[in-house]
Protein backbone atom coordinates (compact mmCIF):
# COMPACT_ATOMS: atom_id res chain seq x y z
CA MET A 1 2.89 43.91 -14.94
CA LYS A 2 5.52 42.70 -12.46
CA ALA A 3 6.54 39.09 -11.83
CA LEU A 4 9.26 37.20 -10.01
CA ALA A 5 11.19 35.25 -12.65
CA TYR A 6 14.55 33.74 -13.55
CA GLU A 7 16.32 32.48 -16.67
CA ARG A 8 18.64 29.64 -15.59
CA ALA A 9 18.28 26.88 -13.03
CA HIS A 10 20.34 27.72 -9.97
CA PRO A 11 21.09 26.65 -6.40
CA LEU A 12 20.01 28.71 -3.41
CA GLU A 13 23.46 30.21 -2.89
CA GLU A 14 23.31 31.69 -6.42
CA PHE A 15 19.72 32.94 -6.07
CA ALA A 16 18.80 34.62 -9.37
CA ILE A 17 15.06 35.30 -9.11
CA GLU A 18 14.31 38.94 -9.88
CA LEU A 19 11.27 41.21 -10.06
CA VAL A 20 10.84 42.00 -13.76
CA GLU A 21 8.32 43.46 -16.16
CA VAL A 22 6.38 40.82 -18.14
CA ALA A 23 3.47 40.84 -20.58
CA GLU A 24 -0.09 40.49 -19.32
CA PRO A 25 -1.24 36.82 -19.47
CA LEU A 26 -3.48 35.62 -22.27
CA VAL A 27 -6.97 34.84 -20.95
CA ARG A 28 -8.36 31.70 -22.60
CA ASP A 29 -12.07 31.00 -22.98
CA THR A 30 -12.24 28.89 -19.81
CA ASP A 31 -9.91 31.16 -17.81
CA VAL A 32 -10.37 33.86 -15.25
CA LEU A 33 -7.82 36.61 -14.70
CA VAL A 34 -6.95 36.90 -11.02
CA GLU A 35 -5.28 39.82 -9.29
CA VAL A 36 -3.02 37.90 -6.92
CA ARG A 37 -3.21 38.86 -3.24
CA ALA A 38 -1.26 36.04 -1.56
CA ILE A 39 1.04 33.19 -2.59
CA GLY A 40 1.67 29.85 -0.88
CA VAL A 41 5.28 28.69 -1.37
CA ASN A 42 6.00 24.98 -1.79
CA PRO A 43 9.10 22.73 -1.58
CA GLY A 44 8.48 21.49 -5.12
CA GLU A 45 8.98 25.00 -6.45
CA ALA A 46 12.43 25.18 -4.87
CA SER A 47 13.26 21.87 -6.53
CA ILE A 48 12.09 23.15 -9.93
CA ARG A 49 14.11 26.35 -9.49
CA SER A 50 17.26 24.29 -9.02
CA ALA A 51 16.63 22.05 -12.03
CA ARG A 52 14.59 23.83 -14.72
CA SER A 53 15.91 26.59 -16.98
CA ALA A 54 13.92 28.80 -19.34
CA GLU A 55 13.83 28.32 -23.07
CA PRO A 56 16.34 30.58 -24.87
CA GLY A 57 15.16 34.18 -24.58
CA GLY A 58 12.45 33.30 -22.07
CA ARG A 59 11.88 33.37 -18.33
CA VAL A 60 10.49 30.93 -15.79
CA ILE A 61 7.68 32.16 -13.53
CA LEU A 62 6.93 29.62 -10.81
CA GLY A 63 4.20 29.43 -8.20
CA TRP A 64 1.09 27.25 -8.12
CA GLU A 65 -0.80 28.22 -4.97
CA PHE A 66 -2.57 31.53 -4.72
CA SER A 67 -5.53 33.61 -3.60
CA GLY A 68 -6.86 36.77 -5.16
CA VAL A 69 -9.71 38.63 -6.84
CA ILE A 70 -11.14 37.95 -10.30
CA VAL A 71 -10.74 40.97 -12.59
CA GLU A 72 -11.76 39.37 -15.91
CA THR A 73 -13.57 36.22 -17.07
CA GLY A 74 -13.22 34.21 -20.28
CA SER A 75 -16.17 33.65 -22.60
CA ALA A 76 -16.72 30.04 -21.46
CA THR A 77 -16.23 30.64 -17.73
CA THR A 78 -19.11 29.49 -15.53
CA GLY A 79 -19.84 29.99 -11.85
CA PHE A 80 -17.52 32.96 -11.31
CA ALA A 81 -17.77 36.71 -11.81
CA VAL A 82 -15.55 39.75 -11.66
CA GLY A 83 -14.98 40.68 -8.02
CA ASP A 84 -15.12 37.13 -6.65
CA ARG A 85 -12.49 36.21 -4.09
CA VAL A 86 -10.89 32.91 -5.14
CA MET A 87 -8.07 30.47 -4.40
CA GLY A 88 -6.47 27.76 -6.50
CA THR A 89 -3.37 26.05 -7.84
CA GLY A 90 -2.91 27.08 -11.44
CA ASP A 91 -1.32 24.90 -14.12
CA VAL A 92 2.27 23.65 -13.99
CA MET A 93 2.44 23.87 -17.81
CA ARG A 94 1.72 27.63 -17.71
CA ASP A 95 3.32 30.59 -15.93
CA GLY A 96 2.71 30.49 -12.21
CA CYS A 97 1.40 32.94 -9.65
CA TRP A 98 4.58 34.77 -8.64
CA THR A 99 3.09 37.70 -10.46
CA GLN A 100 0.57 40.51 -10.09
CA ARG A 101 -2.06 38.86 -12.29
CA LEU A 102 -2.61 35.23 -13.22
CA ALA A 103 -4.70 33.61 -15.95
CA VAL A 104 -6.07 30.31 -14.62
CA ASP A 105 -8.66 27.75 -15.69
CA ASN A 106 -11.91 28.37 -13.81
CA ARG A 107 -12.33 24.62 -13.19
CA ILE A 108 -9.38 24.55 -10.73
CA ILE A 109 -10.32 27.43 -8.46
CA ALA A 110 -12.80 27.91 -5.63
CA THR A 111 -14.48 30.86 -3.96
CA ILE A 112 -13.14 32.09 -0.63
CA PRO A 113 -15.85 32.34 2.05
CA ASP A 114 -16.44 35.50 4.04
CA GLY A 115 -14.21 35.63 7.08
CA LEU A 116 -11.30 33.73 5.49
CA SER A 117 -8.39 36.01 4.67
CA PHE A 118 -6.39 35.91 1.45
CA THR A 119 -3.30 34.76 3.34
CA ASP A 120 -5.13 31.93 5.07
CA ALA A 121 -6.79 30.86 1.81
CA ALA A 122 -3.42 30.74 0.01
CA SER A 123 -2.16 28.17 2.52
CA LEU A 124 -4.72 25.54 1.51
CA PRO A 125 -4.95 24.52 -2.19
CA ILE A 126 -1.85 22.41 -2.91
CA GLY A 127 -1.83 20.55 0.40
CA ALA A 128 -5.57 19.97 0.39
CA LEU A 129 -5.74 18.68 -3.19
CA THR A 130 -2.68 16.48 -2.80
CA ALA A 131 -3.86 14.94 0.46
CA TRP A 132 -7.45 14.45 -0.74
CA GLU A 133 -6.48 12.73 -3.99
CA ALA A 134 -3.87 10.57 -2.25
CA ILE A 135 -6.09 9.36 0.58
CA PHE A 136 -9.70 9.28 -0.59
CA ARG A 137 -9.87 6.63 -3.29
CA ASP A 138 -13.27 7.44 -4.78
CA ARG A 139 -12.60 11.15 -4.21
CA SER A 140 -14.90 11.17 -1.21
CA ALA A 141 -14.11 8.43 1.29
CA LEU A 142 -11.45 6.09 2.63
CA PRO A 143 -11.44 2.47 1.46
CA PRO A 144 -14.00 0.59 3.60
CA ASP A 145 -11.38 -1.44 5.47
CA VAL A 146 -9.29 1.51 6.75
CA ASP A 147 -9.51 2.48 10.41
CA ARG A 148 -5.90 3.46 11.22
CA VAL A 149 -3.92 5.83 8.99
CA MET A 150 -0.26 6.78 9.39
CA ILE A 151 1.03 10.02 7.83
CA ILE A 152 4.79 10.08 7.37
CA GLY A 153 5.84 13.71 7.47
CA GLY A 154 2.81 15.07 9.28
CA ALA A 155 4.09 18.60 9.95
CA GLY A 156 4.48 19.79 6.35
CA GLY A 157 1.79 21.48 4.30
CA VAL A 158 0.45 18.24 2.80
CA GLY A 159 0.67 16.26 6.03
CA SER A 160 -1.01 19.04 8.02
CA LEU A 161 -4.02 19.08 5.73
CA ALA A 162 -4.12 15.29 5.39
CA THR A 163 -4.51 15.03 9.16
CA GLN A 164 -7.25 17.63 9.27
CA LEU A 165 -9.19 16.16 6.37
CA LEU A 166 -9.06 12.70 7.91
CA LYS A 167 -10.34 14.04 11.24
CA THR A 168 -13.02 16.13 9.50
CA LYS A 169 -14.31 13.53 7.05
CA THR A 170 -13.69 10.17 8.78
CA ASP A 171 -13.53 8.39 12.11
CA ALA A 172 -10.00 7.12 11.42
CA PHE A 173 -7.34 6.99 14.13
CA VAL A 174 -4.55 9.21 12.73
CA ILE A 175 -0.88 8.62 13.48
CA SER A 176 1.54 11.33 12.35
CA THR A 177 5.32 11.16 12.29
CA ALA A 178 7.62 14.05 13.20
CA SER A 179 11.19 14.18 14.48
CA ARG A 180 11.43 17.51 16.34
CA GLN A 181 9.48 18.82 19.33
CA GLU A 182 8.15 21.77 17.31
CA SER A 183 6.88 19.53 14.54
CA ARG A 184 5.44 16.99 16.98
CA ASP A 185 3.51 19.76 18.74
CA TRP A 186 2.24 21.01 15.37
CA CYS A 187 0.98 17.54 14.41
CA ARG A 188 -1.02 17.36 17.62
CA THR A 189 -2.46 20.80 16.90
CA MET A 190 -3.58 19.51 13.50
CA GLY A 191 -5.50 16.73 15.26
CA ALA A 192 -3.22 13.69 15.21
CA ASP A 193 -4.27 11.04 17.74
CA LEU A 194 -0.70 9.75 18.09
CA VAL A 195 2.65 11.27 17.07
CA ILE A 196 5.77 9.13 16.64
CA ASP A 197 9.31 9.77 15.39
CA HIS A 198 10.13 8.71 11.81
CA THR A 199 13.86 8.71 12.61
CA ALA A 200 13.31 5.80 15.03
CA ASP A 201 11.76 2.38 14.50
CA LEU A 202 8.09 2.89 13.64
CA GLY A 203 7.04 -0.63 14.53
CA ASP A 204 8.53 -0.43 18.03
CA GLN A 205 6.80 2.87 18.70
CA LEU A 206 3.45 1.55 17.50
CA ARG A 207 3.73 -1.55 19.65
CA GLN A 208 4.51 0.64 22.67
CA ALA A 209 1.22 2.42 21.95
CA GLY A 210 -0.62 -0.92 21.74
CA ILE A 211 -0.96 -0.87 17.93
CA ALA A 212 0.20 -3.85 15.90
CA GLN A 213 -0.28 -2.58 12.35
CA VAL A 214 -1.95 0.19 10.36
CA ASP A 215 -4.39 -0.02 7.45
CA MET A 216 -3.03 2.85 5.37
CA VAL A 217 0.24 4.75 5.18
CA PHE A 218 0.44 8.12 3.45
CA SER A 219 4.07 9.10 2.87
CA THR A 220 5.04 12.61 1.79
CA ALA A 221 8.52 11.32 0.84
CA ALA A 222 8.94 7.70 -0.30
CA THR A 223 12.61 6.98 0.20
CA ALA A 224 13.97 3.45 0.23
CA ASP A 225 14.29 3.57 4.01
CA ASN A 226 10.72 4.82 4.36
CA LEU A 227 9.40 1.95 2.26
CA ASN A 228 11.16 -0.59 4.47
CA GLN A 229 9.61 1.04 7.52
CA ILE A 230 6.21 1.20 5.84
CA ALA A 231 6.35 -2.49 4.95
CA SER A 232 7.05 -3.32 8.58
CA VAL A 233 3.88 -1.60 9.86
CA ILE A 234 1.33 -1.94 7.06
CA ARG A 235 -1.12 -4.80 7.47
CA PRO A 236 -1.53 -7.45 4.77
CA PHE A 237 -3.59 -6.06 1.87
CA GLY A 238 -3.14 -2.57 3.29
CA HIS A 239 -2.96 0.67 1.32
CA VAL A 240 0.11 2.84 0.68
CA SER A 241 -0.01 6.31 -0.88
CA THR A 242 2.95 8.49 -1.76
CA VAL A 243 3.41 11.89 -3.36
CA ASP A 244 7.18 12.14 -3.72
CA VAL A 245 9.47 9.36 -4.94
CA GLY A 246 12.77 11.20 -5.08
CA THR A 247 15.06 8.27 -5.88
CA PRO A 248 14.62 4.76 -7.33
CA VAL A 249 13.06 2.48 -4.73
CA ASP A 250 12.66 -1.27 -4.36
CA LEU A 251 9.01 -2.23 -3.99
CA ALA A 252 9.81 -5.80 -2.91
CA PRO A 253 9.11 -5.10 0.81
CA LEU A 254 5.53 -4.13 -0.06
CA ILE A 255 4.96 -7.20 -2.20
CA GLY A 256 5.32 -9.39 0.88
CA LYS A 257 2.24 -7.65 2.30
CA SER A 258 0.25 -7.62 -0.96
CA ALA A 259 -0.14 -3.91 -0.31
CA SER A 260 -1.70 -1.63 -2.90
CA LEU A 261 0.41 1.36 -3.97
CA HIS A 262 -1.18 4.65 -5.00
CA THR A 263 0.89 7.55 -6.36
CA GLU A 264 -0.29 11.14 -6.52
CA MET A 265 0.73 14.18 -8.56
CA VAL A 266 -1.53 17.17 -8.08
CA PHE A 267 -1.19 18.42 -11.68
CA ASN A 268 -1.91 15.02 -13.24
CA GLN A 269 -5.27 15.90 -14.80
CA LEU A 270 -4.09 19.03 -16.59
CA VAL A 271 -0.78 17.49 -17.69
CA ASN A 272 -2.59 14.50 -19.18
CA GLY A 273 -5.50 16.38 -20.70
CA ALA A 274 -8.18 15.10 -18.32
CA ASP A 275 -11.10 17.12 -17.00
CA PRO A 276 -9.92 18.91 -13.83
CA THR A 277 -13.44 19.77 -12.61
CA SER A 278 -13.13 17.40 -9.64
CA GLN A 279 -10.26 19.50 -8.32
CA GLY A 280 -12.39 22.62 -8.29
CA ASP A 281 -15.05 20.66 -6.42
CA ILE A 282 -12.50 19.49 -3.83
CA LEU A 283 -11.20 23.03 -3.35
CA GLU A 284 -14.75 24.33 -2.91
CA THR A 285 -15.39 21.72 -0.20
CA VAL A 286 -12.12 22.51 1.60
CA SER A 287 -12.82 26.24 1.33
CA ASN A 288 -16.19 25.69 3.00
CA PHE A 289 -14.53 23.54 5.69
CA ALA A 290 -12.10 26.40 6.40
CA GLY A 291 -14.88 28.98 6.42
CA SER A 292 -16.84 26.96 8.98
CA GLY A 293 -13.79 26.24 11.15
CA ARG A 294 -13.66 22.51 10.40
CA VAL A 295 -10.26 22.91 8.72
CA ARG A 296 -7.67 25.29 10.11
CA PRO A 297 -5.47 27.32 7.72
CA ILE A 298 -1.81 26.36 8.10
CA VAL A 299 0.12 29.63 7.71
CA THR A 300 3.11 29.59 10.05
CA THR A 301 5.39 32.11 8.29
CA LEU A 302 4.00 35.24 6.63
CA LEU A 303 6.30 37.31 4.40
CA ALA A 304 5.49 40.70 2.91
CA GLY A 305 5.66 41.77 -0.71
CA LEU A 306 6.22 40.37 -4.19
CA THR A 307 9.97 40.87 -3.92
CA ALA A 308 13.10 38.85 -4.59
CA ASP A 309 14.06 39.19 -0.92
CA SER A 310 10.77 37.67 0.26
CA MET A 311 11.10 34.75 -2.15
CA LYS A 312 14.73 34.14 -1.22
CA THR A 313 13.75 34.06 2.46
CA ALA A 314 10.98 31.57 1.65
CA HIS A 315 13.33 29.28 -0.29
CA THR A 316 15.99 29.49 2.41
CA LEU A 317 13.43 28.31 4.96
CA LEU A 318 12.16 25.54 2.65
CA GLU A 319 15.64 24.21 1.98
CA SER A 320 16.40 24.09 5.70
CA HIS A 321 13.88 21.17 5.81
CA ARG A 322 12.77 22.38 9.21
CA THR A 323 9.56 24.22 8.36
CA VAL A 324 6.12 23.28 9.62
CA GLY A 325 2.84 24.29 8.05
CA LYS A 326 2.99 26.76 5.18
CA ILE A 327 5.02 29.81 4.14
CA VAL A 328 2.79 32.49 2.58
CA ILE A 329 3.80 35.71 0.86
CA GLU A 330 1.28 38.54 1.07
CA VAL A 331 1.42 40.41 -2.25
C-alpha cells in the first residue's frame, strides 16, 4: 500500500516527505483496519517532522486524525463491523494515518453518523478530545464554580472545538482571543460571546467589557508571556488548562492566585498504558453532536489526494501560523 513517509527530520524548506510503498499494517486483536478517506492535519505533526528522524533503515509515517471505512476487525474488537464509517486519532507510538490503510485500536474510534461527510468527520477528533479533556474535569462537566471561560487561541482547531463544546454542554460565558480580523470573525462563528486580542492587554480589554476576572483560562500555547497575562485575569482559586508548553515557564504568577494548573496531552492514556475507552466515548458523543448540528465541523481548507504536494501545502499553511479551523486532505 502507499503512504506518505520520510526518513530524516527536516525543516519545511527541505521538505522530504514522499509517497512510498510500505507493508500492510499488522492488525492486533483489539484493532480495526480502516481504509482512510480523509486526514486532518495538525500543527504538532509539523513540529514532529522537524524534530524526529526514523530509526536506521526505517521511515516515519505521521498523522493522527482520520476518517474512513472499516475493512477488517481484530478478534477482540467489539461494537464495530466491516463497512462501518469511523473517525479517530490513532496512536502516536504507531504509524499514523498518512496512508491508505490504518490499523487502530477500536477503543479510540467512533462511528460517523449519516449525513456527516468523511472530510467533515476528519476535522473533529484531535481538537475535540484535547478540548474536552482539558476543560471538563470529571470528563463530563466544568468545575462547579466556573461561569466565565477564556480560550487563548480560539481560532485554531482545538480552540474552535473548545468554544463549541462549552456552548453545547454548558451555560458558560465564553471569551476567545484572536489577533486578526479573519480569526476574530471565525471565533464569533464558533459561538464565542466575546472576542479580544491576545496581542494586547487582556485585563484592559476585559474591564472595557465590564468583566473583572474569569474563572477558567484554557490556553492552546502556554508561553511565559501568556502565563503573565493569564495570572492577571484569572480569579483567586481559578482554573488554568494548557495543552502546549513550548518553552520553560515560571509558574510564580499563578501561585499568587492559588490557581490550579491542568495540563493535557491527547495521547496520554495510550503512552502510559491506561485504558483509552473514555476517549472513544468522547468521540462518539462529539460525533453525535456533529450529526445533530450541535457541533459544526471546522474544515476551512480542503486539499485533494494522498500526495507529497498536498502535504507540503498543508505544512506550509500550518507554519505560517495564520490558519483558522482545520486543514483536511481528502484521500
